[in-house]
């Protein structure tokens, strides 16, 4: 039963882009071939990304803004989002990512 729950709500386990490999059919877990192919493709892409130099990688940050247009940009309960982003950019720069001027503006 746990496997069924894990497959049906993977986000609860921290999955970012889950690939459902199969389903419960007649009391047994059955995989779907095209889902296995999708997972294989994703794994190959993750390996290729791992092998890239950090300076060649591209990252994006999604900043909270809800409700939009009401001055709530980059807010979160008890967190200093701009300061955290600044620290992350500085760390990324130290690790070889190209971050531009943002990491040096205080």
Protein backbone atom coordinates (compact mmCIF):
# COMPACT_ATOMS: atom_id res chain seq x y z
CA UNK A 1 0.00 0.00 0.00
CA UNK A 2 2.86 2.42 0.79
CA UNK A 3 4.19 2.08 -2.77
CA UNK A 4 0.81 3.14 -4.16
CA UNK A 5 0.72 6.25 -1.98
CA UNK A 6 4.31 7.12 -2.85
CA UNK A 7 3.49 6.85 -6.55
CA UNK A 8 0.29 8.85 -6.30
CA UNK A 9 1.59 11.82 -4.24
CA UNK A 10 5.37 11.95 -4.82
CA UNK A 11 5.54 15.68 -4.03
CA UNK A 12 4.94 14.76 -0.39
CA UNK A 13 8.29 12.95 -0.47
CA UNK A 14 10.07 15.97 -1.95
CA UNK A 15 9.95 14.96 -5.62
CA UNK A 16 10.47 17.91 -7.96
CA UNK A 17 9.55 16.36 -11.33
CA UNK A 18 8.20 12.89 -10.58
CA UNK A 19 7.84 10.21 -13.24
CA UNK A 20 5.12 7.72 -12.42
CA UNK A 21 6.52 4.37 -13.54
CA UNK A 22 3.36 2.33 -13.31
CA UNK A 23 0.19 1.59 -11.45
CA UNK A 24 -1.48 -0.98 -9.26
CA UNK A 25 -3.23 -3.54 -11.48
CA UNK A 26 -4.88 -6.69 -10.15
CA UNK A 27 -3.00 -6.32 -6.89
CA UNK A 28 0.44 -6.00 -8.52
CA UNK A 29 2.55 -3.03 -9.48
CA UNK A 30 2.76 -2.86 -13.27
CA UNK A 31 5.27 -0.63 -15.05
CA UNK A 32 4.57 1.27 -18.26
CA UNK A 33 7.38 1.03 -20.87
CA UNK A 34 7.17 4.64 -22.09
CA UNK A 35 7.44 5.85 -18.48
CA UNK A 36 10.60 3.76 -18.01
CA UNK A 37 12.00 5.30 -21.22
CA UNK A 38 11.18 8.79 -19.89
CA UNK A 39 12.97 8.08 -16.61
CA UNK A 40 16.00 6.74 -18.51
CA UNK A 41 16.09 9.90 -20.66
CA UNK A 42 15.92 12.12 -17.56
CA UNK A 43 18.69 10.16 -15.85
CA UNK A 44 20.92 10.60 -18.91
CA UNK A 45 20.25 14.36 -18.91
CA UNK A 46 21.05 14.62 -15.19
CA UNK A 47 24.36 12.80 -15.76
CA UNK A 48 25.22 15.17 -18.63
CA UNK A 49 24.38 18.17 -16.43
CA UNK A 50 26.54 16.80 -13.63
CA UNK A 51 29.50 16.58 -16.02
CA UNK A 52 29.15 20.18 -17.26
CA UNK A 53 31.34 22.88 -15.82
CA UNK A 54 29.45 25.13 -13.43
CA UNK A 55 30.24 28.13 -15.63
CA UNK A 56 28.27 26.46 -18.46
CA UNK A 57 25.15 25.79 -16.38
CA UNK A 58 22.15 28.11 -16.20
CA UNK A 59 20.03 28.56 -13.10
CA UNK A 60 16.86 30.46 -12.38
CA UNK A 61 15.28 31.62 -9.15
CA UNK A 62 11.52 31.88 -8.83
CA UNK A 63 10.61 34.64 -6.40
CA UNK A 64 7.26 34.69 -4.64
CA UNK A 65 4.90 37.53 -5.58
CA UNK A 66 1.36 36.83 -4.38
CA UNK A 67 -0.96 38.52 -4.66
CA UNK A 68 0.76 40.10 -7.65
CA UNK A 69 1.30 43.83 -7.69
CA UNK A 70 0.63 44.36 -3.99
CA UNK A 71 4.21 44.86 -2.82
CA UNK A 72 4.70 41.24 -1.77
CA UNK A 73 7.72 40.50 -3.96
CA UNK A 74 10.30 38.20 -2.40
CA UNK A 75 8.42 37.81 0.87
CA UNK A 76 8.19 34.68 2.97
CA UNK A 77 7.19 34.07 6.57
CA UNK A 78 10.08 35.07 8.85
CA UNK A 79 12.65 34.83 6.03
CA UNK A 80 14.87 37.49 4.49
CA UNK A 81 14.58 36.40 0.86
CA UNK A 82 16.75 39.13 -0.73
CA UNK A 83 19.55 38.51 1.77
CA UNK A 84 19.31 34.75 1.20
CA UNK A 85 19.41 35.17 -2.59
CA UNK A 86 22.44 37.42 -2.26
CA UNK A 87 24.23 34.79 -0.14
CA UNK A 88 23.31 32.05 -2.64
CA UNK A 89 24.64 34.13 -5.55
CA UNK A 90 27.90 34.70 -3.69
CA UNK A 91 28.25 30.98 -3.01
CA UNK A 92 27.46 30.11 -6.63
CA UNK A 93 30.12 32.54 -7.81
CA UNK A 94 32.70 30.90 -5.50
CA UNK A 95 31.74 27.54 -6.99
CA UNK A 96 32.42 28.72 -10.54
CA UNK A 97 29.01 29.85 -11.74
CA UNK A 98 28.76 33.05 -13.77
CA UNK A 99 26.46 35.32 -11.76
CA UNK A 100 27.35 38.79 -13.00
CA UNK A 101 27.38 41.85 -10.77
CA UNK A 102 24.56 40.72 -8.50
CA UNK A 103 26.89 38.78 -6.19
CA UNK A 104 29.06 41.84 -5.57
CA UNK A 105 26.37 44.46 -4.88
CA UNK A 106 25.73 44.89 -1.17
